[in-house]
């Protein structure tokens, strides 16, 4: 499990687990509990690239990012670090 510290969003961090390039598990700490649980379920089993195509660049209100966008950053970082 790789822990990513989020920036500019309500959630404090995101724990991600990858199986190769496939999302095995996602857990958000803080943020909109129900919505983030749903996002976690929806991306499970998807490739990092698929998640990025869907969620990268998503914003929240007037913020330049969102928890979904931060998830993509977490997955990419975990992928490059080889730590998930």
N, C-alpha and C. Protein backbone atom coordinates (compact mmCIF):
# COMPACT_ATOMS: atom_id res chain seq x y z
N UNK A 1 0.87 -1.18 0.00
CA UNK A 1 0.00 0.00 0.00
C UNK A 1 0.91 1.23 0.00
N UNK A 2 0.60 2.15 -0.90
CA UNK A 2 1.35 3.40 -1.03
C UNK A 2 0.46 4.54 -0.55
N UNK A 3 0.99 5.41 0.30
CA UNK A 3 0.22 6.54 0.83
C UNK A 3 0.67 7.82 0.15
N UNK A 4 -0.28 8.52 -0.41
CA UNK A 4 -0.05 9.79 -1.10
C UNK A 4 -0.69 10.90 -0.27
N UNK A 5 0.07 11.94 0.04
CA UNK A 5 -0.46 13.10 0.76
C UNK A 5 -1.08 14.05 -0.26
N UNK A 6 -2.38 14.26 -0.15
CA UNK A 6 -3.09 15.10 -1.11
C UNK A 6 -2.76 16.57 -0.89
N UNK A 7 -3.03 17.36 -1.93
CA UNK A 7 -2.79 18.80 -1.89
C UNK A 7 -3.99 19.54 -2.48
N UNK A 8 -4.53 20.50 -1.72
CA UNK A 8 -5.59 21.35 -2.24
C UNK A 8 -6.98 20.76 -2.26
N UNK A 9 -7.19 19.67 -1.52
CA UNK A 9 -8.52 19.04 -1.48
C UNK A 9 -8.89 18.70 -0.04
N UNK A 10 -10.12 18.26 0.15
CA UNK A 10 -10.60 17.95 1.50
C UNK A 10 -9.99 16.68 2.08
N UNK A 11 -9.76 15.68 1.24
CA UNK A 11 -9.14 14.45 1.78
C UNK A 11 -7.70 14.74 2.17
N UNK A 12 -7.22 14.04 3.19
CA UNK A 12 -5.86 14.28 3.70
C UNK A 12 -4.82 13.42 3.00
N UNK A 13 -5.23 12.21 2.63
CA UNK A 13 -4.30 11.30 1.96
C UNK A 13 -5.10 10.22 1.25
N UNK A 14 -4.38 9.50 0.37
CA UNK A 14 -4.99 8.40 -0.37
C UNK A 14 -4.03 7.22 -0.29
N UNK A 15 -4.54 6.08 0.14
CA UNK A 15 -3.77 4.83 0.15
C UNK A 15 -4.15 4.06 -1.10
N UNK A 16 -3.15 3.67 -1.89
CA UNK A 16 -3.41 2.93 -3.12
C UNK A 16 -2.58 1.65 -3.15
N UNK A 17 -3.16 0.62 -3.72
CA UNK A 17 -2.46 -0.64 -3.96
C UNK A 17 -2.64 -1.00 -5.42
N UNK A 18 -1.54 -1.32 -6.07
CA UNK A 18 -1.57 -1.72 -7.47
C UNK A 18 -1.16 -3.17 -7.60
N UNK A 19 -1.71 -3.82 -8.61
CA UNK A 19 -1.29 -5.15 -9.02
C UNK A 19 -0.76 -4.96 -10.44
N UNK A 20 0.53 -4.72 -10.54
CA UNK A 20 1.10 -4.31 -11.83
C UNK A 20 0.63 -2.90 -12.13
N UNK A 21 -0.10 -2.74 -13.24
CA UNK A 21 -0.66 -1.44 -13.61
C UNK A 21 -2.16 -1.38 -13.36
N UNK A 22 -2.67 -2.33 -12.59
CA UNK A 22 -4.10 -2.40 -12.29
C UNK A 22 -4.36 -1.97 -10.85
N UNK A 23 -5.41 -1.17 -10.66
CA UNK A 23 -5.77 -0.71 -9.32
C UNK A 23 -6.36 -1.88 -8.53
N UNK A 24 -5.71 -2.22 -7.43
CA UNK A 24 -6.19 -3.31 -6.57
C UNK A 24 -7.05 -2.77 -5.43
N UNK A 25 -6.68 -1.60 -4.89
CA UNK A 25 -7.43 -1.04 -3.75
C UNK A 25 -7.13 0.44 -3.65
N UNK A 26 -8.12 1.21 -3.21
CA UNK A 26 -7.98 2.64 -2.96
C UNK A 26 -8.74 2.97 -1.68
N UNK A 27 -8.10 3.75 -0.82
CA UNK A 27 -8.75 4.20 0.42
C UNK A 27 -8.40 5.67 0.65
N UNK A 28 -9.43 6.50 0.70
CA UNK A 28 -9.24 7.92 0.97
C UNK A 28 -9.34 8.16 2.47
N UNK A 29 -8.53 9.05 2.98
CA UNK A 29 -8.60 9.48 4.38
C UNK A 29 -9.16 10.89 4.38
N UNK A 30 -10.36 11.06 4.94
CA UNK A 30 -11.03 12.35 4.93
C UNK A 30 -11.78 12.56 3.63
N UNK A 31 -12.35 13.74 3.48
CA UNK A 31 -13.10 14.07 2.27
C UNK A 31 -14.55 13.62 2.35
N UNK A 32 -15.22 13.61 1.24
CA UNK A 32 -16.64 13.24 1.14
C UNK A 32 -16.76 11.72 1.16
N UNK A 33 -17.02 11.18 2.32
CA UNK A 33 -16.94 9.74 2.56
C UNK A 33 -17.69 8.88 1.54
N UNK A 34 -18.96 9.14 1.35
CA UNK A 34 -19.76 8.31 0.44
C UNK A 34 -19.28 8.39 -1.00
N UNK A 35 -19.01 9.59 -1.47
CA UNK A 35 -18.55 9.76 -2.85
C UNK A 35 -17.19 9.09 -3.06
N UNK A 36 -16.30 9.24 -2.12
CA UNK A 36 -14.96 8.68 -2.29
C UNK A 36 -14.94 7.17 -2.15
N UNK A 37 -15.84 6.62 -1.34
CA UNK A 37 -15.99 5.16 -1.30
C UNK A 37 -16.47 4.64 -2.65
N UNK A 38 -17.40 5.39 -3.27
CA UNK A 38 -17.93 5.00 -4.58
C UNK A 38 -16.82 5.07 -5.64
N UNK A 39 -16.05 6.15 -5.65
CA UNK A 39 -14.94 6.28 -6.60
C UNK A 39 -13.98 5.11 -6.43
N UNK A 40 -13.66 4.78 -5.19
CA UNK A 40 -12.74 3.68 -4.91
C UNK A 40 -13.26 2.37 -5.50
N UNK A 41 -14.55 2.10 -5.35
CA UNK A 41 -15.13 0.88 -5.90
C UNK A 41 -15.12 0.89 -7.43
N UNK A 42 -15.41 2.03 -8.01
CA UNK A 42 -15.51 2.13 -9.47
C UNK A 42 -14.17 1.94 -10.17
N UNK A 43 -13.08 2.39 -9.55
CA UNK A 43 -11.78 2.30 -10.22
C UNK A 43 -11.07 0.96 -9.96
N UNK A 44 -11.54 0.21 -8.98
CA UNK A 44 -10.92 -1.09 -8.68
C UNK A 44 -11.00 -1.99 -9.91
N UNK A 45 -9.86 -2.55 -10.29
CA UNK A 45 -9.80 -3.43 -11.45
C UNK A 45 -9.46 -2.71 -12.75
N UNK A 46 -9.44 -1.38 -12.72
CA UNK A 46 -9.10 -0.60 -13.91
C UNK A 46 -7.58 -0.40 -13.98
N UNK A 47 -7.08 -0.16 -15.17
CA UNK A 47 -5.66 0.17 -15.29
C UNK A 47 -5.45 1.63 -14.88
N UNK A 48 -4.24 1.95 -14.49
CA UNK A 48 -3.90 3.32 -14.11
C UNK A 48 -4.21 4.26 -15.28
N UNK A 49 -3.91 3.85 -16.49
CA UNK A 49 -4.17 4.68 -17.67
C UNK A 49 -5.67 4.94 -17.87
N UNK A 50 -6.49 3.92 -17.62
CA UNK A 50 -7.95 4.09 -17.75
C UNK A 50 -8.46 5.10 -16.73
N UNK A 51 -8.00 4.99 -15.49
CA UNK A 51 -8.41 5.92 -14.44
C UNK A 51 -7.97 7.33 -14.82
N UNK A 52 -6.75 7.46 -15.33
CA UNK A 52 -6.23 8.77 -15.73
C UNK A 52 -7.08 9.38 -16.85
N UNK A 53 -7.46 8.58 -17.84
CA UNK A 53 -8.28 9.09 -18.94
C UNK A 53 -9.62 9.64 -18.44
N UNK A 54 -10.17 9.00 -17.43
CA UNK A 54 -11.47 9.41 -16.90
C UNK A 54 -11.41 10.57 -15.92
N UNK A 55 -10.39 10.59 -15.06
CA UNK A 55 -10.43 11.49 -13.91
C UNK A 55 -9.37 12.60 -13.89
N UNK A 56 -8.33 12.47 -14.67
CA UNK A 56 -7.26 13.47 -14.63
C UNK A 56 -7.79 14.83 -15.07
N UNK A 57 -7.47 15.85 -14.29
CA UNK A 57 -7.89 17.21 -14.60
C UNK A 57 -9.26 17.58 -14.06
N UNK A 58 -9.95 16.63 -13.41
CA UNK A 58 -11.25 16.92 -12.81
C UNK A 58 -11.05 17.95 -11.70
N UNK A 59 -11.94 18.94 -11.63
CA UNK A 59 -11.83 19.98 -10.61
C UNK A 59 -12.99 19.88 -9.63
N UNK A 60 -12.85 20.59 -8.51
CA UNK A 60 -13.89 20.62 -7.47
C UNK A 60 -14.16 22.09 -7.13
N UNK A 61 -15.36 22.56 -7.46
CA UNK A 61 -15.67 23.97 -7.22
C UNK A 61 -14.69 24.86 -7.96
N UNK A 62 -14.13 25.84 -7.24
CA UNK A 62 -13.17 26.74 -7.87
C UNK A 62 -11.72 26.27 -7.70
N UNK A 63 -11.54 25.07 -7.19
CA UNK A 63 -10.19 24.53 -7.00
C UNK A 63 -9.66 23.99 -8.33
N UNK A 64 -8.35 24.06 -8.53
CA UNK A 64 -7.78 23.55 -9.78
C UNK A 64 -7.60 22.03 -9.80
N UNK A 65 -8.02 21.36 -8.74
CA UNK A 65 -7.88 19.91 -8.61
C UNK A 65 -9.09 19.36 -7.87
N UNK A 66 -9.13 18.07 -7.68
CA UNK A 66 -10.21 17.42 -6.93
C UNK A 66 -9.63 16.14 -6.33
N UNK A 67 -10.41 15.48 -5.50
CA UNK A 67 -9.95 14.20 -4.94
C UNK A 67 -9.74 13.18 -6.06
N UNK A 68 -10.58 13.22 -7.09
CA UNK A 68 -10.42 12.30 -8.22
C UNK A 68 -9.13 12.59 -8.98
N UNK A 69 -8.83 13.86 -9.21
CA UNK A 69 -7.58 14.26 -9.86
C UNK A 69 -6.39 13.86 -9.00
N UNK A 70 -6.50 14.06 -7.70
CA UNK A 70 -5.44 13.67 -6.78
C UNK A 70 -5.23 12.16 -6.79
N UNK A 71 -6.30 11.40 -6.98
CA UNK A 71 -6.18 9.95 -7.09
C UNK A 71 -5.30 9.57 -8.26
N UNK A 72 -5.49 10.22 -9.39
CA UNK A 72 -4.64 9.95 -10.56
C UNK A 72 -3.19 10.23 -10.23
N UNK A 73 -2.93 11.35 -9.55
CA UNK A 73 -1.56 11.69 -9.16
C UNK A 73 -0.98 10.64 -8.22
N UNK A 74 -1.82 10.16 -7.29
CA UNK A 74 -1.37 9.12 -6.36
C UNK A 74 -1.02 7.83 -7.10
N UNK A 75 -1.86 7.44 -8.04
CA UNK A 75 -1.62 6.21 -8.80
C UNK A 75 -0.35 6.33 -9.64
N UNK A 76 -0.17 7.46 -10.30
CA UNK A 76 1.02 7.67 -11.11
C UNK A 76 2.29 7.64 -10.26
N UNK A 77 2.22 8.30 -9.10
CA UNK A 77 3.38 8.32 -8.21
C UNK A 77 3.69 6.93 -7.69
N UNK A 78 2.66 6.20 -7.28
CA UNK A 78 2.86 4.84 -6.80
C UNK A 78 3.45 3.96 -7.89
N UNK A 79 2.98 4.16 -9.11
CA UNK A 79 3.45 3.39 -10.25
C UNK A 79 4.95 3.66 -10.51
N UNK A 80 5.35 4.90 -10.49
CA UNK A 80 6.75 5.24 -10.76
C UNK A 80 7.66 4.86 -9.61
N UNK A 81 7.13 4.89 -8.39
CA UNK A 81 7.91 4.53 -7.22
C UNK A 81 8.00 3.01 -7.09
N UNK A 82 7.08 2.30 -7.74
CA UNK A 82 7.06 0.85 -7.63
C UNK A 82 6.75 0.39 -6.22
N UNK A 83 5.98 1.21 -5.48
CA UNK A 83 5.73 0.93 -4.06
C UNK A 83 4.32 0.47 -3.75
N UNK A 84 3.51 0.29 -4.74
CA UNK A 84 2.13 -0.06 -4.40
C UNK A 84 1.93 -1.53 -4.52
